[in-house]
Structures are given as structure tokens and as C-alpha cells.
C-alpha atoms as a PDB file:
ATOM      1  CA  UNK A   1      41.667  62.955   6.124  1.00  0.00           C
ATOM      2  CA  UNK A   2      38.477  60.991   6.603  1.00  0.00           C
ATOM      3  CA  UNK A   3      36.726  62.108   9.847  1.00  0.00           C
ATOM      4  CA  UNK A   4      35.917  58.502  10.774  1.00  0.00           C
ATOM      5  CA  UNK A   5      39.566  57.592  10.355  1.00  0.00           C
ATOM      6  CA  UNK A   6      40.611  60.486  12.610  1.00  0.00           C
ATOM      7  CA  UNK A   7      38.090  59.398  15.242  1.00  0.00           C
ATOM      8  CA  UNK A   8      39.252  55.788  15.062  1.00  0.00           C
ATOM      9  CA  UNK A   9      42.866  56.910  15.381  1.00  0.00           C
ATOM     10  CA  UNK A  10      42.056  58.943  18.500  1.00  0.00           C
ATOM     11  CA  UNK A  11      40.187  56.019  20.029  1.00  0.00           C
ATOM     12  CA  UNK A  12      43.161  53.727  19.407  1.00  0.00           C
ATOM     13  CA  UNK A  13      45.512  56.266  20.973  1.00  0.00           C
ATOM     14  CA  UNK A  14      43.295  56.490  24.054  1.00  0.00           C
ATOM     15  CA  UNK A  15      43.078  52.695  24.268  1.00  0.00           C
ATOM     16  CA  UNK A  16      46.859  52.362  23.978  1.00  0.00           C
ATOM     17  CA  UNK A  17      47.389  54.935  26.727  1.00  0.00           C
ATOM     18  CA  UNK A  18      44.902  53.123  28.955  1.00  0.00           C
ATOM     19  CA  UNK A  19      46.673  49.819  28.297  1.00  0.00           C
ATOM     20  CA  UNK A  20      50.059  51.352  29.146  1.00  0.00           C
ATOM     21  CA  UNK A  21      48.707  52.719  32.438  1.00  0.00           C
ATOM     22  CA  UNK A  22      47.156  49.354  33.297  1.00  0.00           C
ATOM     23  CA  UNK A  23      50.428  47.568  32.518  1.00  0.00           C
ATOM     24  CA  UNK A  24      52.331  50.008  34.742  1.00  0.00           C
ATOM     25  CA  UNK A  25      49.877  49.455  37.609  1.00  0.00           C
ATOM     26  CA  UNK A  26      50.186  45.688  37.168  1.00  0.00           C
ATOM     27  CA  UNK A  27      53.995  45.894  37.253  1.00  0.00           C
ATOM     28  CA  UNK A  28      53.855  48.013  40.402  1.00  0.00           C
ATOM     29  CA  UNK A  29      51.520  45.475  42.018  1.00  0.00           C
ATOM     30  CA  UNK A  30      53.887  42.604  41.191  1.00  0.00           C
ATOM     31  CA  UNK A  31      56.827  44.548  42.622  1.00  0.00           C
ATOM     32  CA  UNK A  32      54.851  45.273  45.813  1.00  0.00           C
ATOM     33  CA  UNK A  33      53.892  41.593  46.092  1.00  0.00           C
ATOM     34  CA  UNK A  34      57.506  40.506  45.629  1.00  0.00           C
ATOM     35  CA  UNK A  35      58.665  42.971  48.288  1.00  0.00           C
ATOM     36  CA  UNK A  36      56.025  41.647  50.711  1.00  0.00           C
ATOM     37  CA  UNK A  37      57.230  38.102  50.022  1.00  0.00           C
ATOM     38  CA  UNK A  38      60.853  39.095  50.708  1.00  0.00           C
ATOM     39  CA  UNK A  39      59.822  40.786  53.954  1.00  0.00           C
ATOM     40  CA  UNK A  40      57.773  37.760  55.051  1.00  0.00           C
ATOM     41  CA  UNK A  41      60.642  35.383  54.292  1.00  0.00           C
ATOM     42  CA  UNK A  42      63.120  37.660  56.079  1.00  0.00           C
ATOM     43  CA  UNK A  43      60.803  37.633  59.101  1.00  0.00           C
ATOM     44  CA  UNK A  44      60.968  33.836  59.161  1.00  0.00           C
ATOM     45  CA  UNK A  45      57.907  32.756  57.192  1.00  0.00           C
ATOM     46  CA  UNK A  46      58.437  29.390  55.506  1.00  0.00           C
ATOM     47  CA  UNK A  47      58.250  29.224  51.714  1.00  0.00           C
ATOM     48  CA  UNK A  48      55.387  26.706  51.927  1.00  0.00           C
ATOM     49  CA  UNK A  49      53.294  29.206  53.874  1.00  0.00           C
ATOM     50  CA  UNK A  50      54.134  31.916  51.345  1.00  0.00           C
ATOM     51  CA  UNK A  51      53.105  29.528  48.565  1.00  0.00           C
ATOM     52  CA  UNK A  52      49.767  28.812  50.252  1.00  0.00           C
ATOM     53  CA  UNK A  53      48.981  32.514  50.625  1.00  0.00           C
ATOM     54  CA  UNK A  54      50.189  33.653  47.205  1.00  0.00           C
ATOM     55  CA  UNK A  55      49.587  30.598  45.056  1.00  0.00           C
ATOM     56  CA  UNK A  56      53.162  30.842  43.756  1.00  0.00           C
ATOM     57  CA  UNK A  57      55.430  27.862  43.240  1.00  0.00           C
ATOM     58  CA  UNK A  58      58.570  27.184  45.246  1.00  0.00           C
ATOM     59  CA  UNK A  59      60.561  27.918  42.104  1.00  0.00           C
ATOM     60  CA  UNK A  60      58.993  31.379  41.685  1.00  0.00           C
ATOM     61  CA  UNK A  61      59.457  32.208  45.367  1.00  0.00           C
ATOM     62  CA  UNK A  62      63.118  31.172  45.076  1.00  0.00           C
ATOM     63  CA  UNK A  63      63.508  33.436  42.033  1.00  0.00           C
ATOM     64  CA  UNK A  64      62.051  36.361  43.963  1.00  0.00           C
ATOM     65  CA  UNK A  65      64.449  35.733  46.836  1.00  0.00           C
ATOM     66  CA  UNK A  66      67.438  35.453  44.459  1.00  0.00           C
ATOM     67  CA  UNK A  67      66.510  38.759  42.832  1.00  0.00           C
ATOM     68  CA  UNK A  68      66.628  40.386  46.255  1.00  0.00           C
ATOM     69  CA  UNK A  69      70.238  39.295  46.688  1.00  0.00           C
ATOM     70  CA  UNK A  70      71.385  40.706  43.350  1.00  0.00           C
END
């Protein structure tokens, strides 16, 4: 096999692994954010205040709260 092709293949594999790790970290961050939103709402914070802090819409906040009940 062509050495340049082998090197390119390894680089792509490394890039794919890096992308998978980054995607996992992003998913974990979203889950942590959603949990913080649920805790804030459970503690009595109004959805408008949550929206101001997070930049999320009322619809998205409602979805997060519905997911907590499922």
C-alpha cells in the first residue's frame, strides 16, 4: 500500500476519533445544562429568567421539562 495513503488513513482515523470525543463532550454538556435548567425550574425559577440566562426559547425549555417527566 502507498505510504502516503497509509499516513492519510491514520490521520483520518485520528480526526474521526477526536470528532467522536468532542461530540460526546458536547452531548454531556447539553445534558448537564438541561439538568441545571430542571433544577432551577424545580426551585421556582420562572421560565423567562431561564430563557434570559440560557438564551433558549420557551418552547425548548418546555421540551426539557417534559423530558424530565417521562
